[in-house]
C-alpha atoms as a PDB file:
ATOM      1  CA  UNK A   1     -35.993  -2.768 -53.315  1.00  0.00           C
ATOM      2  CA  UNK A   2     -34.582  -5.195 -55.864  1.00  0.00           C
ATOM      3  CA  UNK A   3     -35.018  -8.972 -55.764  1.00  0.00           C
ATOM      4  CA  UNK A   4     -34.290 -11.826 -58.157  1.00  0.00           C
ATOM      5  CA  UNK A   5     -36.378 -14.862 -58.956  1.00  0.00           C
ATOM      6  CA  UNK A   6     -35.802 -17.801 -61.286  1.00  0.00           C
ATOM      7  CA  UNK A   7     -38.112 -19.122 -63.962  1.00  0.00           C
ATOM      8  CA  UNK A   8     -37.370 -22.435 -65.680  1.00  0.00           C
ATOM      9  CA  UNK A   9     -38.405 -23.323 -69.216  1.00  0.00           C
ATOM     10  CA  UNK A  10     -37.993 -26.603 -71.126  1.00  0.00           C
ATOM     11  CA  UNK A  11     -36.946 -26.873 -74.763  1.00  0.00           C
ATOM     12  CA  UNK A  12     -36.862 -30.203 -76.659  1.00  0.00           C
ATOM     13  CA  UNK A  13     -33.664 -30.917 -78.625  1.00  0.00           C
ATOM     14  CA  UNK A  14     -33.719 -34.720 -78.600  1.00  0.00           C
ATOM     15  CA  UNK A  15     -33.746 -34.537 -74.813  1.00  0.00           C
ATOM     16  CA  UNK A  16     -35.148 -32.064 -72.283  1.00  0.00           C
ATOM     17  CA  UNK A  17     -32.892 -29.091 -71.603  1.00  0.00           C
ATOM     18  CA  UNK A  18     -33.654 -26.699 -68.784  1.00  0.00           C
ATOM     19  CA  UNK A  19     -32.803 -23.020 -68.984  1.00  0.00           C
ATOM     20  CA  UNK A  20     -32.917 -20.841 -65.881  1.00  0.00           C
ATOM     21  CA  UNK A  21     -33.911 -17.231 -66.449  1.00  0.00           C
ATOM     22  CA  UNK A  22     -33.118 -14.673 -63.732  1.00  0.00           C
ATOM     23  CA  UNK A  23     -35.477 -11.716 -63.496  1.00  0.00           C
ATOM     24  CA  UNK A  24     -34.712  -8.594 -61.457  1.00  0.00           C
ATOM     25  CA  UNK A  25     -37.880  -7.136 -59.940  1.00  0.00           C
ATOM     26  CA  UNK A  26     -38.666  -4.057 -57.854  1.00  0.00           C
ATOM     27  CA  UNK A  27     -40.641  -4.553 -54.633  1.00  0.00           C
ATOM     28  CA  UNK A  28     -42.584  -1.472 -53.565  1.00  0.00           C
ATOM     29  CA  UNK A  29     -43.142  -1.196 -49.809  1.00  0.00           C
ATOM     30  CA  UNK A  30     -45.241   1.533 -48.194  1.00  0.00           C
ATOM     31  CA  UNK A  31     -43.729   3.121 -45.095  1.00  0.00           C
ATOM     32  CA  UNK A  32     -45.710   2.928 -41.889  1.00  0.00           C
ATOM     33  CA  UNK A  33     -46.812   6.333 -40.586  1.00  0.00           C
ATOM     34  CA  UNK A  34     -47.853   7.276 -37.065  1.00  0.00           C
ATOM     35  CA  UNK A  35     -49.881  10.187 -38.448  1.00  0.00           C
ATOM     36  CA  UNK A  36     -52.635   8.058 -39.994  1.00  0.00           C
ATOM     37  CA  UNK A  37     -54.692   5.123 -38.836  1.00  0.00           C
ATOM     38  CA  UNK A  38     -54.109   1.780 -40.579  1.00  0.00           C
ATOM     39  CA  UNK A  39     -57.589   1.940 -42.119  1.00  0.00           C
ATOM     40  CA  UNK A  40     -57.040   5.417 -43.557  1.00  0.00           C
ATOM     41  CA  UNK A  41     -53.568   4.479 -44.760  1.00  0.00           C
ATOM     42  CA  UNK A  42     -54.911   1.374 -46.501  1.00  0.00           C
ATOM     43  CA  UNK A  43     -57.681   3.310 -48.222  1.00  0.00           C
ATOM     44  CA  UNK A  44     -55.367   6.097 -49.437  1.00  0.00           C
ATOM     45  CA  UNK A  45     -52.688   3.714 -50.677  1.00  0.00           C
ATOM     46  CA  UNK A  46     -55.247   1.539 -52.467  1.00  0.00           C
ATOM     47  CA  UNK A  47     -56.697   4.536 -54.300  1.00  0.00           C
ATOM     48  CA  UNK A  48     -53.219   5.695 -55.329  1.00  0.00           C
ATOM     49  CA  UNK A  49     -52.301   2.210 -56.530  1.00  0.00           C
ATOM     50  CA  UNK A  50     -55.475   1.818 -58.608  1.00  0.00           C
ATOM     51  CA  UNK A  51     -54.818   5.187 -60.229  1.00  0.00           C
ATOM     52  CA  UNK A  52     -51.284   4.126 -61.140  1.00  0.00           C
ATOM     53  CA  UNK A  53     -52.489   0.812 -62.555  1.00  0.00           C
ATOM     54  CA  UNK A  54     -54.881   2.563 -64.937  1.00  0.00           C
ATOM     55  CA  UNK A  55     -52.065   4.702 -66.305  1.00  0.00           C
ATOM     56  CA  UNK A  56     -49.606   1.787 -66.576  1.00  0.00           C
ATOM     57  CA  UNK A  57     -52.148  -0.322 -68.476  1.00  0.00           C
ATOM     58  CA  UNK A  58     -52.430   2.449 -71.062  1.00  0.00           C
ATOM     59  CA  UNK A  59     -48.708   3.105 -71.446  1.00  0.00           C
ATOM     60  CA  UNK A  60     -47.631  -0.480 -72.082  1.00  0.00           C
ATOM     61  CA  UNK A  61     -44.149  -1.893 -71.511  1.00  0.00           C
ATOM     62  CA  UNK A  62     -40.908   0.076 -71.289  1.00  0.00           C
ATOM     63  CA  UNK A  63     -37.568  -0.761 -69.705  1.00  0.00           C
ATOM     64  CA  UNK A  64     -37.770   2.228 -67.330  1.00  0.00           C
ATOM     65  CA  UNK A  65     -41.467   1.931 -66.453  1.00  0.00           C
ATOM     66  CA  UNK A  66     -42.740  -0.526 -63.859  1.00  0.00           C
ATOM     67  CA  UNK A  67     -44.673  -3.514 -65.224  1.00  0.00           C
ATOM     68  CA  UNK A  68     -46.861  -5.004 -62.510  1.00  0.00           C
ATOM     69  CA  UNK A  69     -46.266  -8.695 -61.775  1.00  0.00           C
ATOM     70  CA  UNK A  70     -48.401  -8.952 -58.628  1.00  0.00           C
ATOM     71  CA  UNK A  71     -49.477  -7.254 -55.422  1.00  0.00           C
ATOM     72  CA  UNK A  72     -49.750  -8.273 -51.778  1.00  0.00           C
ATOM     73  CA  UNK A  73     -51.399  -6.377 -48.912  1.00  0.00           C
ATOM     74  CA  UNK A  74     -50.225  -8.600 -46.056  1.00  0.00           C
ATOM     75  CA  UNK A  75     -46.829  -9.822 -44.909  1.00  0.00           C
ATOM     76  CA  UNK A  76     -43.792  -8.989 -42.810  1.00  0.00           C
ATOM     77  CA  UNK A  77     -41.648  -5.883 -43.145  1.00  0.00           C
ATOM     78  CA  UNK A  78     -38.653  -6.146 -45.468  1.00  0.00           C
ATOM     79  CA  UNK A  79     -35.206  -5.329 -44.117  1.00  0.00           C
ATOM     80  CA  UNK A  80     -33.656  -1.983 -45.012  1.00  0.00           C
ATOM     81  CA  UNK A  81     -31.077  -1.806 -47.808  1.00  0.00           C
ATOM     82  CA  UNK A  82     -27.826   0.126 -47.878  1.00  0.00           C
ATOM     83  CA  UNK A  83     -27.793   2.658 -50.724  1.00  0.00           C
ATOM     84  CA  UNK A  84     -24.851   4.582 -52.130  1.00  0.00           C
ATOM     85  CA  UNK A  85     -24.618   7.662 -54.342  1.00  0.00           C
ATOM     86  CA  UNK A  86     -24.578   5.578 -57.526  1.00  0.00           C
ATOM     87  CA  UNK A  87     -27.854   3.881 -56.502  1.00  0.00           C
ATOM     88  CA  UNK A  88     -29.561   7.254 -55.964  1.00  0.00           C
ATOM     89  CA  UNK A  89     -28.253   8.639 -59.269  1.00  0.00           C
ATOM     90  CA  UNK A  90     -29.378   5.465 -61.022  1.00  0.00           C
ATOM     91  CA  UNK A  91     -32.909   5.842 -59.612  1.00  0.00           C
ATOM     92  CA  UNK A  92     -33.009   9.443 -60.864  1.00  0.00           C
ATOM     93  CA  UNK A  93     -31.755   8.485 -64.324  1.00  0.00           C
ATOM     94  CA  UNK A  94     -34.227   5.631 -64.728  1.00  0.00           C
ATOM     95  CA  UNK A  95     -37.210   7.805 -63.747  1.00  0.00           C
ATOM     96  CA  UNK A  96     -36.117  10.509 -66.210  1.00  0.00           C
ATOM     97  CA  UNK A  97     -35.830   7.872 -68.969  1.00  0.00           C
ATOM     98  CA  UNK A  98     -39.291   6.591 -68.114  1.00  0.00           C
ATOM     99  CA  UNK A  99     -40.784  10.082 -68.164  1.00  0.00           C
ATOM    100  CA  UNK A 100     -39.069  10.793 -71.497  1.00  0.00           C
ATOM    101  CA  UNK A 101     -40.895   7.745 -72.881  1.00  0.00           C
ATOM    102  CA  UNK A 102     -44.205   8.810 -71.325  1.00  0.00           C
ATOM    103  CA  UNK A 103     -44.003  12.288 -72.881  1.00  0.00           C
ATOM    104  CA  UNK A 104     -43.413  10.648 -76.263  1.00  0.00           C
ATOM    105  CA  UNK A 105     -46.721   8.774 -75.753  1.00  0.00           C
ATOM    106  CA  UNK A 106     -48.519  12.090 -75.198  1.00  0.00           C
ATOM    107  CA  UNK A 107     -49.839  10.893 -71.828  1.00  0.00           C
ATOM    108  CA  UNK A 108     -49.893  12.417 -68.361  1.00  0.00           C
ATOM    109  CA  UNK A 109     -49.405  10.750 -65.032  1.00  0.00           C
ATOM    110  CA  UNK A 110     -51.486  11.833 -62.037  1.00  0.00           C
ATOM    111  CA  UNK A 111     -48.965  13.641 -59.851  1.00  0.00           C
ATOM    112  CA  UNK A 112     -48.852  13.770 -56.087  1.00  0.00           C
ATOM    113  CA  UNK A 113     -46.698  16.889 -55.835  1.00  0.00           C
ATOM    114  CA  UNK A 114     -48.139  19.632 -58.013  1.00  0.00           C
ATOM    115  CA  UNK A 115     -46.559  22.654 -59.676  1.00  0.00           C
ATOM    116  CA  UNK A 116     -47.868  26.168 -58.911  1.00  0.00           C
ATOM    117  CA  UNK A 117     -49.790  26.338 -62.200  1.00  0.00           C
ATOM    118  CA  UNK A 118     -51.403  22.976 -61.468  1.00  0.00           C
ATOM    119  CA  UNK A 119     -52.381  24.027 -57.935  1.00  0.00           C
ATOM    120  CA  UNK A 120     -53.687  27.503 -58.689  1.00  0.00           C
ATOM    121  CA  UNK A 121     -54.730  27.375 -62.357  1.00  0.00           C
ATOM    122  CA  UNK A 122     -55.542  23.667 -62.887  1.00  0.00           C
ATOM    123  CA  UNK A 123     -52.972  23.557 -65.708  1.00  0.00           C
ATOM    124  CA  UNK A 124     -51.355  20.148 -66.264  1.00  0.00           C
ATOM    125  CA  UNK A 125     -48.523  19.933 -68.788  1.00  0.00           C
ATOM    126  CA  UNK A 126     -45.278  18.059 -69.325  1.00  0.00           C
ATOM    127  CA  UNK A 127     -43.614  21.047 -67.647  1.00  0.00           C
ATOM    128  CA  UNK A 128     -45.713  20.492 -64.522  1.00  0.00           C
ATOM    129  CA  UNK A 129     -44.566  16.848 -64.570  1.00  0.00           C
ATOM    130  CA  UNK A 130     -40.979  18.139 -64.601  1.00  0.00           C
ATOM    131  CA  UNK A 131     -41.748  20.061 -61.399  1.00  0.00           C
ATOM    132  CA  UNK A 132     -43.019  16.817 -59.855  1.00  0.00           C
ATOM    133  CA  UNK A 133     -39.871  15.006 -60.978  1.00  0.00           C
ATOM    134  CA  UNK A 134     -37.863  17.613 -59.059  1.00  0.00           C
ATOM    135  CA  UNK A 135     -39.886  16.750 -55.945  1.00  0.00           C
ATOM    136  CA  UNK A 136     -39.149  13.073 -56.565  1.00  0.00           C
ATOM    137  CA  UNK A 137     -35.417  13.843 -56.795  1.00  0.00           C
ATOM    138  CA  UNK A 138     -35.653  15.539 -53.412  1.00  0.00           C
ATOM    139  CA  UNK A 139     -37.351  12.436 -51.976  1.00  0.00           C
ATOM    140  CA  UNK A 140     -34.678  10.146 -53.449  1.00  0.00           C
ATOM    141  CA  UNK A 141     -31.744  12.135 -52.086  1.00  0.00           C
ATOM    142  CA  UNK A 142     -33.337  12.550 -48.664  1.00  0.00           C
ATOM    143  CA  UNK A 143     -33.725   8.742 -48.601  1.00  0.00           C
ATOM    144  CA  UNK A 144     -37.508   8.831 -48.557  1.00  0.00           C
ATOM    145  CA  UNK A 145     -38.367  11.842 -46.402  1.00  0.00           C
ATOM    146  CA  UNK A 146     -41.660  13.607 -47.072  1.00  0.00           C
ATOM    147  CA  UNK A 147     -41.340  16.839 -49.065  1.00  0.00           C
ATOM    148  CA  UNK A 148     -41.679  20.132 -47.187  1.00  0.00           C
ATOM    149  CA  UNK A 149     -40.942  18.493 -43.805  1.00  0.00           C
ATOM    150  CA  UNK A 150     -43.244  19.573 -41.002  1.00  0.00           C
ATOM    151  CA  UNK A 151     -45.453  21.613 -43.337  1.00  0.00           C
ATOM    152  CA  UNK A 152     -49.128  20.712 -43.528  1.00  0.00           C
ATOM    153  CA  UNK A 153     -51.000  21.366 -46.769  1.00  0.00           C
ATOM    154  CA  UNK A 154     -53.126  24.407 -46.067  1.00  0.00           C
ATOM    155  CA  UNK A 155     -53.195  28.175 -46.505  1.00  0.00           C
ATOM    156  CA  UNK A 156     -49.627  28.577 -45.203  1.00  0.00           C
ATOM    157  CA  UNK A 157     -48.369  25.965 -47.654  1.00  0.00           C
ATOM    158  CA  UNK A 158     -50.131  27.585 -50.619  1.00  0.00           C
ATOM    159  CA  UNK A 159     -48.821  31.021 -49.637  1.00  0.00           C
ATOM    160  CA  UNK A 160     -45.299  29.592 -49.361  1.00  0.00           C
ATOM    161  CA  UNK A 161     -45.511  28.159 -52.887  1.00  0.00           C
ATOM    162  CA  UNK A 162     -46.877  31.429 -54.289  1.00  0.00           C
ATOM    163  CA  UNK A 163     -44.034  33.362 -52.649  1.00  0.00           C
ATOM    164  CA  UNK A 164     -41.454  31.146 -54.370  1.00  0.00           C
ATOM    165  CA  UNK A 165     -40.186  29.135 -51.409  1.00  0.00           C
ATOM    166  CA  UNK A 166     -38.061  26.150 -52.419  1.00  0.00           C
ATOM    167  CA  UNK A 167     -36.873  23.258 -50.277  1.00  0.00           C
ATOM    168  CA  UNK A 168     -33.265  23.248 -49.136  1.00  0.00           C
ATOM    169  CA  UNK A 169     -30.755  20.723 -50.437  1.00  0.00           C
ATOM    170  CA  UNK A 170     -31.363  17.237 -49.023  1.00  0.00           C
ATOM    171  CA  UNK A 171     -28.524  15.627 -47.092  1.00  0.00           C
ATOM    172  CA  UNK A 172     -27.320  13.201 -49.756  1.00  0.00           C
ATOM    173  CA  UNK A 173     -27.716  15.379 -52.864  1.00  0.00           C
ATOM    174  CA  UNK A 174     -24.606  16.612 -54.686  1.00  0.00           C
ATOM    175  CA  UNK A 175     -24.648  20.320 -55.515  1.00  0.00           C
ATOM    176  CA  UNK A 176     -25.165  19.477 -59.199  1.00  0.00           C
ATOM    177  CA  UNK A 177     -28.230  17.387 -58.393  1.00  0.00           C
ATOM    178  CA  UNK A 178     -29.704  20.123 -56.198  1.00  0.00           C
ATOM    179  CA  UNK A 179     -29.174  22.598 -59.048  1.00  0.00           C
ATOM    180  CA  UNK A 180     -31.184  20.205 -61.215  1.00  0.00           C
ATOM    181  CA  UNK A 181     -33.981  20.187 -58.636  1.00  0.00           C
ATOM    182  CA  UNK A 182     -34.054  23.985 -58.575  1.00  0.00           C
ATOM    183  CA  UNK A 183     -34.248  24.092 -62.372  1.00  0.00           C
ATOM    184  CA  UNK A 184     -37.244  21.742 -62.222  1.00  0.00           C
ATOM    185  CA  UNK A 185     -38.867  24.136 -59.750  1.00  0.00           C
ATOM    186  CA  UNK A 186     -38.568  27.243 -61.903  1.00  0.00           C
ATOM    187  CA  UNK A 187     -41.704  29.350 -61.488  1.00  0.00           C
ATOM    188  CA  UNK A 188     -41.788  29.860 -65.261  1.00  0.00           C
ATOM    189  CA  UNK A 189     -42.726  26.465 -66.757  1.00  0.00           C
ATOM    190  CA  UNK A 190     -40.911  27.300 -70.006  1.00  0.00           C
ATOM    191  CA  UNK A 191     -37.616  27.650 -68.111  1.00  0.00           C
ATOM    192  CA  UNK A 192     -37.803  24.107 -66.734  1.00  0.00           C
ATOM    193  CA  UNK A 193     -35.655  21.471 -68.486  1.00  0.00           C
ATOM    194  CA  UNK A 194     -37.255  18.856 -70.702  1.00  0.00           C
ATOM    195  CA  UNK A 195     -37.097  15.209 -69.675  1.00  0.00           C
ATOM    196  CA  UNK A 196     -34.654  14.642 -72.511  1.00  0.00           C
ATOM    197  CA  UNK A 197     -32.338  17.258 -70.986  1.00  0.00           C
ATOM    198  CA  UNK A 198     -32.825  15.729 -67.523  1.00  0.00           C
ATOM    199  CA  UNK A 199     -31.855  12.318 -68.913  1.00  0.00           C
ATOM    200  CA  UNK A 200     -28.675  13.821 -70.388  1.00  0.00           C
ATOM    201  CA  UNK A 201     -27.714  15.661 -67.200  1.00  0.00           C
ATOM    202  CA  UNK A 202     -28.424  12.694 -64.935  1.00  0.00           C
ATOM    203  CA  UNK A 203     -26.577  10.337 -67.274  1.00  0.00           C
ATOM    204  CA  UNK A 204     -23.541  12.634 -67.111  1.00  0.00           C
ATOM    205  CA  UNK A 205     -23.641  12.736 -63.295  1.00  0.00           C
ATOM    206  CA  UNK A 206     -24.018   8.967 -63.179  1.00  0.00           C
ATOM    207  CA  UNK A 207     -21.055   8.528 -65.511  1.00  0.00           C
ATOM    208  CA  UNK A 208     -18.879  10.903 -63.482  1.00  0.00           C
ATOM    209  CA  UNK A 209     -19.822   9.175 -60.229  1.00  0.00           C
ATOM    210  CA  UNK A 210     -18.958   5.751 -61.699  1.00  0.00           C
ATOM    211  CA  UNK A 211     -15.535   7.068 -62.750  1.00  0.00           C
ATOM    212  CA  UNK A 212     -14.898   8.363 -59.227  1.00  0.00           C
ATOM    213  CA  UNK A 213     -15.864   5.028 -57.688  1.00  0.00           C
ATOM    214  CA  UNK A 214     -13.547   3.076 -60.014  1.00  0.00           C
ATOM    215  CA  UNK A 215     -10.501   5.191 -59.217  1.00  0.00           C
END
């Protein structure tokens, strides 16, 4: 969710002159879940957040990577936003740009959704991060649904991954975007696209969508 806030600064040029700077910030809100108790949810989310903060502190600043301004654990729910196809494509493009930068720093992010080689062989590479990016795309174009709906992580889930099962196309994903997801989920890590290629493909889709909107 995007918000704006103003910051004023004063510069002396014979008299005080005020300049207003508008900053666009992202507000991350955790969804409430009926499947976990508030205490368990708080503990899990806190651990995930602390893990992310350690990585972000190492990576430094980048236009497509979140820079933490503050955090709050109490407050009211924020109203839902209306999203269109351009918003979803923009999210996908920005994440790919961020991951392209991260790979250039020779660093890995801890990933929530793991590739087969990460699950079964404890292998973590940039290619396994590409798999995770494909899962993120699925989440974006399902408007925040949990991956593998209705499937609990257990023996059946692991068997499904080993047998090559892939999630079906989410409701709001164009065919081209779903093809990109499937390429990210190639069983052979070397056949997955690089983040540079994902940036190029997403940028092209974003450009084509903008042209369609302006017609």
